[in-house]
Amino acid sequence: MHASRGFPDWLAQSENPYLEGPFAPVFDECDAADLPVAGELPRDLDGVFLRNGPNPVHAPQGRYHWFDGDGMVHAVTFRDGRASYRNRWVRTQDLEAERRAGRALWPGYLERPDPAAPGSGSDGWLKDSANTDLVFHNGAVLALWYQCGLPYRLDPRSLATLGPETFGGRLERRVSAHAKVDAATGELLFFDYATQAPFLAHHVVSPLGELVRSTEIELPGPRLPHDMAFTTHYSILMDLPLFWDPQLLERGVHRLGFHPELPSRFAVLPRAGGPVRWFEAEPAYIYHVLNAWEEGDTLVMDACRIVDPGARPPNDGGPLGRMLATLRLDARLHRYRFDLRTGATREEALDDQNIEFPSIDARRLGTPTRYAYLPHVAPDTSTLLFDALVKCDTASAKTETHAFGPGRYCSESPFAPRVGGHAEDDGFVVCFVHDAQGGDSEAHVLDARDFTADPVAIVSLPRRVPVGFHACWVDGTQLQD
């Protein structure tokens, strides 16, 4: 249970573990400069570390799912050996409507759709919270939502919400959580999915923010892809055997089912336009991709693969059992090779640890990489918590682990290139660390080349940062003064 101080009554009375402890929301926005630092912040660390996550403003309608909370971005700016912090809600149209009403207007992910409250997402019934991912494109950070919503532009320095991004007024559909930016071309690539045909589409946005190409991808029915990949010439989209029960979906009931009798399918389509080719692999589910690239006539894709995503609620899980089960990730690092000459797929395991939420040097997306940084799933917690960071060398299969100690948890941790650095791991890994015992939060700066050593610096934050979702790094050279 919560201590009631500082919490509204509805939250103080909650017994939902995703509203308690490390997950408990905060209810104000603040700014703090010249933060206390243990160690020394490198002067060649210059940019902004941002992380998105759910932070509900109002009491939920019915059962609360972790995915329901309103988007809140926490950011630490590093410059000249100093650090500052700020946090802001993403001011979506739906959040503003609820603020005006003074209450929640939409049911959450665990409830049934409300015909009187049309919303967003693949089936048009949820609140668009923009709470999932962040990508930097065309001078702004885009806050994205897992169920396909409007992207919201944020100022990377002030975190002010600048409004929805419509890509030159050409956005007719919505944007999935994990859009990708090709640093070499400046293009933004994304997909969207829906429960009504067309079920899947791929889109290309120019460096200046105009939607220039959309391609519908034929599927046998509604699917639930979460991520995508790209290479220099191709995009890779997914048709995976975890999706809504089609018969229940016709009655407005959303129940996930895993179909191990079906293969995993991967759509490879030319970024410049052209026919789609399908590749099959063993049945599984993929939440997040590390990277993909071309090796001659072969596309290589590294991803976090879940062999059995069929959620089985524990006997004592109660009304939240299914949520607790689905959020207990069990993923392994996996490599796919798609042979463009023969149409064959080869698979291999890269590591046997339960790791997820990967980050790489974002400048190298779509080209060959070997280093990735992934949080390790804590094995003995009822909620999804990460107790360490793992640096994976996918070329040698070697790993290094940076543990934070008992009761201390991190989240997705982006790579921050050293100013003037060019090598793939010449830089730092930055992350938020939450102390479950004391309730305090810190920002840790790790040397990517000396990963198991003590942090280069630990920044004390002025407030607790709840455990959240995805993060990004915006380099100082990309920021406008």
Protein backbone atom coordinates (compact mmCIF):
# COMPACT_ATOMS: atom_id res chain seq x y z
CA MET A 1 0.00 0.00 0.00
CA HIS A 2 0.99 3.63 -0.37
CA ALA A 3 1.68 6.07 2.37
CA SER A 4 -1.15 8.52 1.84
CA ARG A 5 1.01 11.65 2.00
CA GLY A 6 1.33 13.31 -1.38
CA PHE A 7 -1.05 10.91 -3.13
CA PRO A 8 -4.68 11.50 -4.09
CA ASP A 9 -7.20 9.33 -2.30
CA TRP A 10 -7.80 7.04 -5.28
CA LEU A 11 -4.10 6.21 -5.51
CA ALA A 12 -3.54 5.87 -1.78
CA GLN A 13 -6.29 3.24 -1.69
CA SER A 14 -5.04 1.27 -4.69
CA GLU A 15 -3.64 -2.23 -4.35
CA ASN A 16 -2.51 -2.46 -7.95
CA PRO A 17 1.25 -3.19 -7.97
CA TYR A 18 1.69 -1.07 -11.09
CA LEU A 19 0.49 1.95 -9.12
CA GLU A 20 2.74 1.32 -6.12
CA GLY A 21 6.38 1.54 -5.14
CA PRO A 22 8.67 2.08 -8.16
CA PHE A 23 5.63 2.46 -10.45
CA ALA A 24 3.68 5.01 -8.40
CA PRO A 25 3.00 8.14 -10.47
CA VAL A 26 4.12 11.64 -9.58
CA PHE A 27 1.73 14.56 -9.73
CA ASP A 28 3.73 17.65 -10.53
CA GLU A 29 6.16 19.00 -13.07
CA CYS A 30 9.44 20.50 -11.96
CA ASP A 31 12.78 21.88 -13.12
CA ALA A 32 16.12 21.66 -11.31
CA ALA A 33 19.56 22.90 -12.40
CA ASP A 34 23.12 22.15 -11.21
CA LEU A 35 22.21 18.82 -9.71
CA PRO A 36 24.47 17.17 -7.12
CA VAL A 37 26.92 14.72 -8.70
CA ALA A 38 28.93 11.89 -7.19
CA GLY A 39 32.04 11.44 -9.30
CA GLU A 40 32.64 13.76 -12.23
CA LEU A 41 30.44 14.33 -15.26
CA PRO A 42 32.51 14.11 -18.45
CA ARG A 43 32.68 17.33 -20.42
CA ASP A 44 32.51 15.27 -23.59
CA LEU A 45 29.01 14.12 -22.63
CA ASP A 46 26.74 16.69 -24.27
CA GLY A 47 23.04 16.21 -24.94
CA VAL A 48 19.71 15.25 -23.42
CA PHE A 49 18.63 11.86 -22.05
CA LEU A 50 14.83 11.50 -22.24
CA ARG A 51 12.57 8.69 -21.10
CA ASN A 52 8.82 8.22 -21.57
CA GLY A 53 6.40 6.30 -19.41
CA PRO A 54 2.87 6.02 -17.98
CA ASN A 55 1.84 8.47 -15.28
CA PRO A 56 -1.95 8.59 -14.75
CA VAL A 57 -3.54 11.89 -13.82
CA HIS A 58 -7.02 10.64 -12.90
CA ALA A 59 -8.50 7.61 -11.16
CA PRO A 60 -8.94 4.86 -13.77
CA GLN A 61 -12.27 3.52 -14.93
CA GLY A 62 -12.14 -0.01 -13.56
CA ARG A 63 -8.90 -1.99 -13.44
CA TYR A 64 -5.70 -0.12 -14.25
CA HIS A 65 -3.21 -1.58 -16.71
CA TRP A 66 0.36 -0.27 -16.73
CA PHE A 67 -0.07 0.69 -20.40
CA ASP A 68 -2.99 3.03 -19.56
CA GLY A 69 -1.14 5.87 -17.82
CA ASP A 70 -0.77 9.33 -19.33
CA GLY A 71 2.59 9.93 -20.98
CA MET A 72 5.19 11.74 -18.91
CA VAL A 73 8.71 12.48 -20.11
CA HIS A 74 11.64 12.79 -17.69
CA ALA A 75 14.82 14.38 -19.03
CA VAL A 76 18.36 15.06 -17.84
CA THR A 77 20.44 17.53 -19.82
CA PHE A 78 24.23 17.16 -19.72
CA ARG A 79 26.47 20.07 -20.73
CA ASP A 80 29.83 21.45 -19.61
CA GLY A 81 30.14 18.88 -16.84
CA ARG A 82 26.78 19.80 -15.29
CA ALA A 83 23.34 18.23 -15.24
CA SER A 84 19.78 19.58 -15.03
CA TYR A 85 16.42 17.82 -14.78
CA ARG A 86 12.84 18.45 -15.84
CA ASN A 87 9.66 16.43 -16.34
CA ARG A 88 6.50 17.17 -18.29
CA TRP A 89 3.28 15.40 -19.19
CA VAL A 90 2.70 14.93 -22.91
CA ARG A 91 -0.28 17.21 -23.46
CA THR A 92 -2.27 14.97 -25.77
CA GLN A 93 -5.72 15.95 -26.95
CA ASP A 94 -7.17 13.14 -24.84
CA LEU A 95 -5.36 14.21 -21.67
CA GLU A 96 -6.56 17.77 -22.14
CA ALA A 97 -10.13 16.53 -22.58
CA GLU A 98 -9.88 14.61 -19.31
CA ARG A 99 -8.38 17.61 -17.53
CA ARG A 100 -11.35 19.71 -18.62
CA ALA A 101 -13.74 17.00 -17.44
CA GLY A 102 -11.84 16.43 -14.20
CA ARG A 103 -11.99 12.65 -14.58
CA ALA A 104 -11.03 9.70 -16.78
CA LEU A 105 -13.15 9.52 -19.92
CA TRP A 106 -11.91 6.27 -21.47
CA PRO A 107 -11.87 2.70 -20.17
CA GLY A 108 -8.46 1.09 -19.86
CA TYR A 109 -6.81 -1.85 -21.58
CA LEU A 110 -8.31 -4.37 -19.12
CA GLU A 111 -11.88 -3.16 -19.61
CA ARG A 112 -14.39 -3.43 -22.44
CA PRO A 113 -14.79 -0.63 -24.99
CA ASP A 114 -17.27 2.11 -24.18
CA PRO A 115 -19.38 2.92 -27.28
CA ALA A 116 -20.01 6.39 -25.83
CA ALA A 117 -16.28 7.16 -25.72
CA PRO A 118 -14.74 6.57 -29.17
CA GLY A 119 -10.99 6.67 -28.91
CA SER A 120 -7.75 5.69 -30.59
CA GLY A 121 -5.65 2.62 -31.18
CA SER A 122 -5.88 -0.30 -33.54
CA ASP A 123 -9.59 -0.73 -32.75
CA GLY A 124 -10.46 2.88 -31.91
CA TRP A 125 -11.49 2.60 -28.27
CA LEU A 126 -8.53 3.51 -26.01
CA LYS A 127 -7.15 6.83 -24.83
CA ASP A 128 -4.16 7.98 -26.88
CA SER A 129 -1.63 8.71 -24.15
CA ALA A 130 1.62 9.03 -26.18
CA ASN A 131 3.31 7.22 -23.29
CA THR A 132 5.52 4.63 -24.98
CA ASP A 133 8.52 5.71 -27.04
CA LEU A 134 10.51 8.78 -28.07
CA VAL A 135 12.39 9.46 -31.31
CA PHE A 136 14.12 12.62 -32.49
CA HIS A 137 13.26 13.74 -36.03
CA ASN A 138 13.16 17.02 -37.91
CA GLY A 139 14.16 19.13 -34.91
CA ALA A 140 11.71 17.71 -32.38
CA VAL A 141 11.16 14.67 -30.20
CA LEU A 142 8.12 12.59 -31.18
CA ALA A 143 6.20 10.97 -28.32
CA LEU A 144 4.57 7.76 -29.60
CA TRP A 145 1.97 5.29 -28.35
CA TYR A 146 2.02 1.49 -28.53
CA GLN A 147 -1.51 1.06 -29.96
CA CYS A 148 -0.95 3.43 -32.91
CA GLY A 149 -1.84 7.04 -32.20
CA LEU A 150 -1.00 10.58 -33.13
CA PRO A 151 2.69 11.43 -32.74
CA TYR A 152 3.19 14.48 -30.52
CA ARG A 153 6.06 16.88 -31.11
CA LEU A 154 8.03 17.89 -28.02
CA ASP A 155 10.72 20.52 -27.64
CA PRO A 156 13.77 18.46 -26.60
CA ARG A 157 15.02 21.18 -24.25
CA SER A 158 11.85 22.44 -22.54
CA LEU A 159 9.73 19.28 -23.09
CA ALA A 160 6.85 21.57 -24.07
CA THR A 161 4.23 19.78 -26.17
CA LEU A 162 4.20 21.51 -29.57
CA GLY A 163 1.15 19.64 -30.87
CA PRO A 164 0.35 16.63 -33.06
CA GLU A 165 2.63 15.84 -35.98
CA THR A 166 0.71 15.29 -39.21
CA PHE A 167 3.69 15.12 -41.60
CA GLY A 168 2.71 17.99 -43.82
CA GLY A 169 -1.00 17.29 -43.36
CA ARG A 170 -0.64 13.91 -45.11
CA LEU A 171 -1.05 11.60 -42.11
CA GLU A 172 -4.32 9.77 -42.74
CA ARG A 173 -3.68 6.79 -40.46
CA ARG A 174 -1.73 6.61 -37.19
CA VAL A 175 1.81 5.88 -36.03
CA SER A 176 3.01 2.83 -34.10
CA ALA A 177 5.23 3.10 -31.05
CA HIS A 178 8.54 2.16 -32.61
CA ALA A 179 9.17 4.48 -35.52
CA LYS A 180 12.77 4.44 -36.79
CA VAL A 181 15.06 7.26 -37.91
CA ASP A 182 17.75 6.52 -40.47
CA ALA A 183 20.63 8.77 -39.46
CA ALA A 184 22.21 8.37 -42.90
CA THR A 185 19.23 9.74 -44.83
CA GLY A 186 17.21 11.57 -42.18
CA GLU A 187 14.10 9.58 -43.13
CA LEU A 188 11.55 8.46 -40.56
CA LEU A 189 10.07 4.98 -41.12
CA PHE A 190 7.00 3.66 -39.33
CA PHE A 191 4.04 1.31 -39.64
CA ASP A 192 0.50 1.24 -38.34
CA TYR A 193 -1.96 -1.60 -37.80
CA ALA A 194 -5.72 -1.89 -37.33
CA THR A 195 -8.51 -4.38 -36.74
CA GLN A 196 -10.18 -3.32 -39.99
CA ALA A 197 -8.63 -3.70 -43.44
CA PRO A 198 -6.10 -2.59 -44.46
CA PHE A 199 -4.59 -4.33 -41.44
CA LEU A 200 -1.01 -3.08 -41.86
CA ALA A 201 0.73 -0.26 -43.70
CA HIS A 202 4.31 1.01 -43.96
CA HIS A 203 5.20 4.69 -44.30
CA VAL A 204 8.21 6.83 -45.17
CA VAL A 205 8.65 10.44 -44.01
CA SER A 206 11.24 12.81 -45.52
CA PRO A 207 13.96 14.50 -43.42
CA LEU A 208 11.84 17.67 -43.55
CA GLY A 209 8.80 15.93 -42.08
CA GLU A 210 6.58 15.23 -45.11
CA LEU A 211 4.96 11.86 -45.64
CA VAL A 212 6.23 10.72 -49.04
CA ARG A 213 5.23 7.06 -49.36
CA SER A 214 2.69 4.62 -47.90
CA THR A 215 2.41 0.94 -48.72
CA GLU A 216 -0.40 -1.36 -47.61
CA ILE A 217 0.75 -4.84 -46.52
CA GLU A 218 -1.72 -7.67 -47.09
CA LEU A 219 -2.41 -9.82 -44.00
CA PRO A 220 -4.84 -12.69 -43.34
CA GLY A 221 -6.47 -10.73 -40.51
CA PRO A 222 -5.81 -8.27 -37.67
CA ARG A 223 -2.39 -8.60 -36.08
CA LEU A 224 -0.45 -6.98 -33.24
CA PRO A 225 3.06 -6.12 -34.43
CA HIS A 226 5.03 -4.00 -31.99
CA ASP A 227 8.33 -3.17 -33.68
CA MET A 228 10.01 -3.10 -37.08
CA ALA A 229 13.51 -2.95 -38.52
CA PHE A 230 15.21 -1.42 -41.54
CA THR A 231 18.41 -1.74 -43.53
CA THR A 232 19.96 0.53 -46.14
CA HIS A 233 17.48 -0.59 -48.81
CA TYR A 234 14.69 -2.50 -47.01
CA SER A 235 12.18 -2.36 -44.19
CA ILE A 236 11.18 -5.46 -42.23
CA LEU A 237 7.66 -5.77 -40.79
CA MET A 238 6.12 -8.62 -38.84
CA ASP A 239 3.11 -10.94 -38.87
CA LEU A 240 3.50 -12.91 -35.63
CA PRO A 241 1.18 -15.62 -34.23
CA LEU A 242 0.09 -13.62 -31.17
CA PHE A 243 -3.11 -11.68 -31.91
CA TRP A 244 -6.67 -11.01 -30.84
CA ASP A 245 -9.08 -13.96 -30.88
CA PRO A 246 -10.88 -13.17 -34.19
CA GLN A 247 -14.28 -14.56 -33.12
CA LEU A 248 -14.28 -12.61 -29.86
CA LEU A 249 -13.02 -9.51 -31.63
CA GLU A 250 -16.17 -9.51 -33.78
CA ARG A 251 -18.12 -9.08 -30.51
CA GLY A 252 -15.85 -6.28 -29.27
CA VAL A 253 -13.95 -8.55 -26.85
CA HIS A 254 -10.14 -8.24 -26.92
CA ARG A 255 -8.45 -11.44 -25.82
CA LEU A 256 -4.94 -12.33 -26.90
CA GLY A 257 -4.16 -15.81 -28.12
CA PHE A 258 -0.87 -17.41 -29.15
CA HIS A 259 -1.10 -19.75 -32.14
CA PRO A 260 2.01 -21.99 -32.17
CA GLU A 261 0.68 -23.84 -35.21
CA LEU A 262 1.34 -20.68 -37.27
CA PRO A 263 4.80 -19.51 -38.29
CA SER A 264 6.32 -16.13 -37.62
CA ARG A 265 6.27 -14.19 -40.88
CA PHE A 266 8.46 -11.25 -41.86
CA ALA A 267 7.61 -8.86 -44.68
CA VAL A 268 10.64 -7.47 -46.51
CA LEU A 269 9.80 -4.46 -48.68
CA PRO A 270 12.08 -2.09 -50.59
CA ARG A 271 12.20 1.35 -48.96
CA ALA A 272 12.11 2.96 -52.41
CA GLY A 273 8.96 1.01 -53.29
CA GLY A 274 8.38 -2.40 -54.81
CA PRO A 275 6.81 -5.81 -54.12
CA VAL A 276 6.75 -7.34 -50.64
CA ARG A 277 8.52 -10.65 -49.99
CA TRP A 278 7.57 -12.88 -47.07
CA PHE A 279 9.95 -15.00 -44.97
CA GLU A 280 8.85 -17.62 -42.43
CA ALA A 281 10.43 -18.61 -39.12
CA GLU A 282 9.60 -20.55 -35.96
CA PRO A 283 6.51 -19.31 -34.05
CA ALA A 284 7.39 -16.63 -31.48
CA TYR A 285 6.68 -13.04 -30.53
CA ILE A 286 8.98 -10.03 -30.74
CA TYR A 287 8.46 -6.84 -28.79
CA HIS A 288 11.73 -5.14 -29.64
CA VAL A 289 14.40 -5.27 -32.34
CA LEU A 290 18.04 -4.34 -31.78
CA ASN A 291 19.00 -3.66 -35.38
CA ALA A 292 19.12 -5.04 -38.92
CA TRP A 293 21.57 -4.70 -41.81
CA GLU A 294 22.58 -6.14 -45.17
CA GLU A 295 25.32 -8.70 -45.80
CA GLY A 296 25.34 -9.16 -49.56
CA ASP A 297 22.05 -10.81 -50.49
CA THR A 298 21.17 -11.56 -46.86
CA LEU A 299 19.35 -9.37 -44.34
CA VAL A 300 20.45 -9.87 -40.73
CA MET A 301 18.09 -8.93 -37.89
CA ASP A 302 18.79 -9.18 -34.15
CA ALA A 303 15.79 -9.13 -31.83
CA CYS A 304 14.55 -10.09 -28.37
CA ARG A 305 12.53 -13.25 -29.07
CA ILE A 306 9.80 -14.68 -26.84
CA VAL A 307 9.17 -18.36 -27.56
CA ASP A 308 5.95 -18.74 -25.56
CA PRO A 309 4.07 -15.44 -25.15
CA GLY A 310 0.80 -17.14 -24.25
CA ALA A 311 -0.03 -15.47 -20.96
CA ARG A 312 -1.26 -17.84 -18.24
CA PRO A 313 -2.59 -15.97 -15.20
CA PRO A 314 -1.46 -17.38 -11.85
CA ASN A 315 -4.13 -19.09 -9.78
CA ASP A 316 -3.99 -16.32 -7.18
CA GLY A 317 -3.64 -13.47 -9.66
CA GLY A 318 -7.17 -12.20 -9.08
CA PRO A 319 -8.61 -9.56 -11.42
CA LEU A 320 -5.11 -8.42 -12.38
CA GLY A 321 -3.76 -11.91 -13.06
CA ARG A 322 -3.65 -11.65 -16.82
CA MET A 323 -1.84 -8.31 -16.73
CA LEU A 324 0.73 -9.63 -14.26
CA ALA A 325 1.31 -12.65 -16.46
CA THR A 326 1.65 -10.82 -19.79
CA LEU A 327 4.09 -8.28 -18.34
CA ARG A 328 6.48 -10.96 -17.07
CA LEU A 329 8.74 -10.99 -20.11
CA ASP A 330 10.80 -14.05 -20.98
CA ALA A 331 12.95 -12.98 -23.94
CA ARG A 332 16.25 -14.12 -25.41
CA LEU A 333 18.56 -12.43 -27.87
CA HIS A 334 18.06 -14.01 -31.29
CA ARG A 335 19.35 -13.56 -34.83
CA TYR A 336 17.43 -14.00 -38.07
CA ARG A 337 19.00 -14.23 -41.53
CA PHE A 338 16.71 -13.66 -44.52
CA ASP A 339 18.26 -14.87 -47.79
CA LEU A 340 16.95 -12.69 -50.60
CA ARG A 341 18.12 -15.15 -53.27
CA THR A 342 16.49 -18.32 -51.94
CA GLY A 343 13.73 -17.01 -49.68
CA ALA A 344 15.08 -19.12 -46.81
CA THR A 345 15.32 -18.03 -43.17
CA ARG A 346 18.05 -19.10 -40.75
CA GLU A 347 17.81 -18.55 -37.00
CA GLU A 348 20.29 -18.73 -34.15
CA ALA A 349 20.31 -17.90 -30.45
CA LEU A 350 22.81 -15.22 -29.44
CA ASP A 351 22.42 -15.31 -25.65
CA ASP A 352 20.43 -17.18 -22.99
CA GLN A 353 19.79 -14.34 -20.51
CA ASN A 354 16.35 -12.80 -20.03
CA ILE A 355 17.04 -9.33 -21.43
CA GLU A 356 14.85 -6.80 -23.21
CA PHE A 357 14.36 -3.08 -24.08
CA PRO A 358 17.56 -2.92 -26.19
CA SER A 359 19.55 0.18 -27.13
CA ILE A 360 22.39 0.61 -29.60
CA ASP A 361 24.33 3.52 -31.06
CA ALA A 362 21.38 5.10 -32.90
CA ARG A 363 23.70 6.64 -35.50
CA ARG A 364 24.24 3.11 -36.84
CA LEU A 365 20.67 1.86 -37.18
CA GLY A 366 20.30 -0.05 -40.43
CA THR A 367 24.03 -0.77 -40.72
CA PRO A 368 26.16 -3.53 -39.12
CA THR A 369 26.55 -3.25 -35.34
CA ARG A 370 27.95 -5.50 -32.64
CA TYR A 371 27.22 -3.78 -29.30
CA ALA A 372 23.85 -3.53 -27.59
CA TYR A 373 22.80 -2.53 -24.08
CA LEU A 374 19.83 -4.35 -22.55
CA PRO A 375 18.23 -4.31 -19.09
CA HIS A 376 18.12 -7.70 -17.36
CA VAL A 377 14.69 -8.85 -16.15
CA ALA A 378 14.69 -9.31 -12.38
CA PRO A 379 13.79 -12.97 -11.74
CA ASP A 380 12.02 -12.75 -8.38
CA THR A 381 9.57 -9.87 -8.71
CA SER A 382 5.84 -9.98 -9.47
CA THR A 383 6.12 -6.89 -11.69
CA LEU A 384 8.43 -6.12 -14.60
CA LEU A 385 11.62 -4.73 -13.10
CA PHE A 386 15.19 -4.61 -14.41
CA ASP A 387 17.98 -5.30 -11.91
CA ALA A 388 21.05 -4.85 -14.14
CA LEU A 389 22.29 -3.71 -17.54
CA VAL A 390 23.94 -6.16 -19.92
CA LYS A 391 26.33 -5.12 -22.69
CA CYS A 392 26.19 -7.71 -25.47
CA ASP A 393 28.87 -8.15 -28.10
CA THR A 394 26.85 -9.93 -30.77
CA ALA A 395 29.97 -10.64 -32.83
CA SER A 396 31.74 -12.62 -30.10
CA ALA A 397 28.73 -13.62 -27.94
CA LYS A 398 30.48 -12.11 -24.92
CA THR A 399 28.50 -10.16 -22.35
CA GLU A 400 29.32 -7.81 -19.48
CA THR A 401 26.90 -7.03 -16.66
CA HIS A 402 26.56 -3.86 -14.64
CA ALA A 403 24.47 -4.62 -11.54
CA PHE A 404 22.93 -1.90 -9.40
CA GLY A 405 22.56 -3.78 -6.14
CA PRO A 406 19.62 -5.27 -4.23
CA GLY A 407 16.34 -3.37 -4.58
CA ARG A 408 17.72 -1.01 -7.23
CA TYR A 409 16.16 -1.03 -10.68
CA CYS A 410 16.87 0.60 -14.04
CA SER A 411 15.00 1.02 -17.32
CA GLU A 412 15.90 1.36 -20.98
CA SER A 413 19.32 2.99 -21.23
CA PRO A 414 20.44 4.71 -24.43
CA PHE A 415 23.98 5.02 -25.72
CA ALA A 416 25.37 8.58 -25.73
CA PRO A 417 28.32 9.06 -28.10
CA ARG A 418 31.35 10.86 -26.72
CA VAL A 419 31.82 14.30 -28.29
CA GLY A 420 34.17 13.71 -31.20
CA GLY A 421 33.96 9.92 -30.80
CA HIS A 422 33.35 7.69 -33.80
CA ALA A 423 33.86 4.09 -32.65
CA GLU A 424 30.69 2.15 -31.89
CA ASP A 425 31.20 1.97 -28.11
CA ASP A 426 33.17 5.20 -27.67
CA GLY A 427 30.77 6.92 -25.32
CA PHE A 428 28.49 6.44 -22.37
CA VAL A 429 25.34 4.61 -21.35
CA VAL A 430 22.87 6.69 -19.35
CA CYS A 431 20.00 5.38 -17.25
CA PHE A 432 17.60 6.15 -14.43
CA VAL A 433 18.04 4.02 -11.32
CA HIS A 434 15.30 3.71 -8.70
CA ASP A 435 15.98 2.67 -5.11
CA ALA A 436 12.93 0.68 -3.99
CA GLN A 437 13.93 0.95 -0.34
CA GLY A 438 14.52 4.68 -0.04
CA GLY A 439 12.35 5.74 -2.95
CA ASP A 440 15.04 7.98 -4.44
CA SER A 441 16.05 8.12 -8.09
CA GLU A 442 19.38 8.83 -9.74
CA ALA A 443 20.79 9.19 -13.25
CA HIS A 444 23.83 6.96 -13.77
CA VAL A 445 26.50 7.57 -16.41
CA LEU A 446 28.45 4.43 -17.36
CA ASP A 447 31.55 4.21 -19.53
CA ALA A 448 30.50 1.96 -22.41
CA ARG A 449 34.08 0.66 -22.76
CA ASP A 450 34.53 -0.04 -19.04
CA PHE A 451 31.05 -1.33 -18.46
CA THR A 452 31.44 -3.27 -15.23
CA ALA A 453 33.29 -0.46 -13.45
CA ASP A 454 31.63 1.95 -11.04
CA PRO A 455 29.63 4.67 -12.77
CA VAL A 456 31.61 7.59 -14.09
CA ALA A 457 29.05 9.81 -12.36
CA ILE A 458 25.82 9.49 -10.40
CA VAL A 459 23.42 12.43 -10.57
CA SER A 460 21.02 12.87 -7.64
CA LEU A 461 17.58 13.75 -8.95
CA PRO A 462 15.20 16.14 -7.17
CA ARG A 463 12.34 13.71 -7.31
CA ARG A 464 11.46 10.08 -7.82
CA VAL A 465 11.28 8.92 -11.45
CA PRO A 466 8.70 6.11 -11.79
CA VAL A 467 9.70 3.01 -13.74
CA GLY A 468 8.71 3.57 -17.34
CA PHE A 469 9.13 2.50 -20.93
CA HIS A 470 11.45 3.73 -23.68
CA ALA A 471 14.22 6.30 -23.84
CA CYS A 472 16.31 8.19 -26.35
CA TRP A 473 19.43 10.32 -26.51
CA VAL A 474 19.45 13.64 -28.36
CA ASP A 475 22.98 14.76 -29.10
CA GLY A 476 23.99 18.32 -28.30
CA THR A 477 24.77 18.93 -31.97
CA GLN A 478 21.08 18.34 -32.75
CA LEU A 479 19.81 20.90 -30.23
CA GLN A 480 19.01 24.48 -31.12
CA ASP A 481 20.20 27.05 -28.58
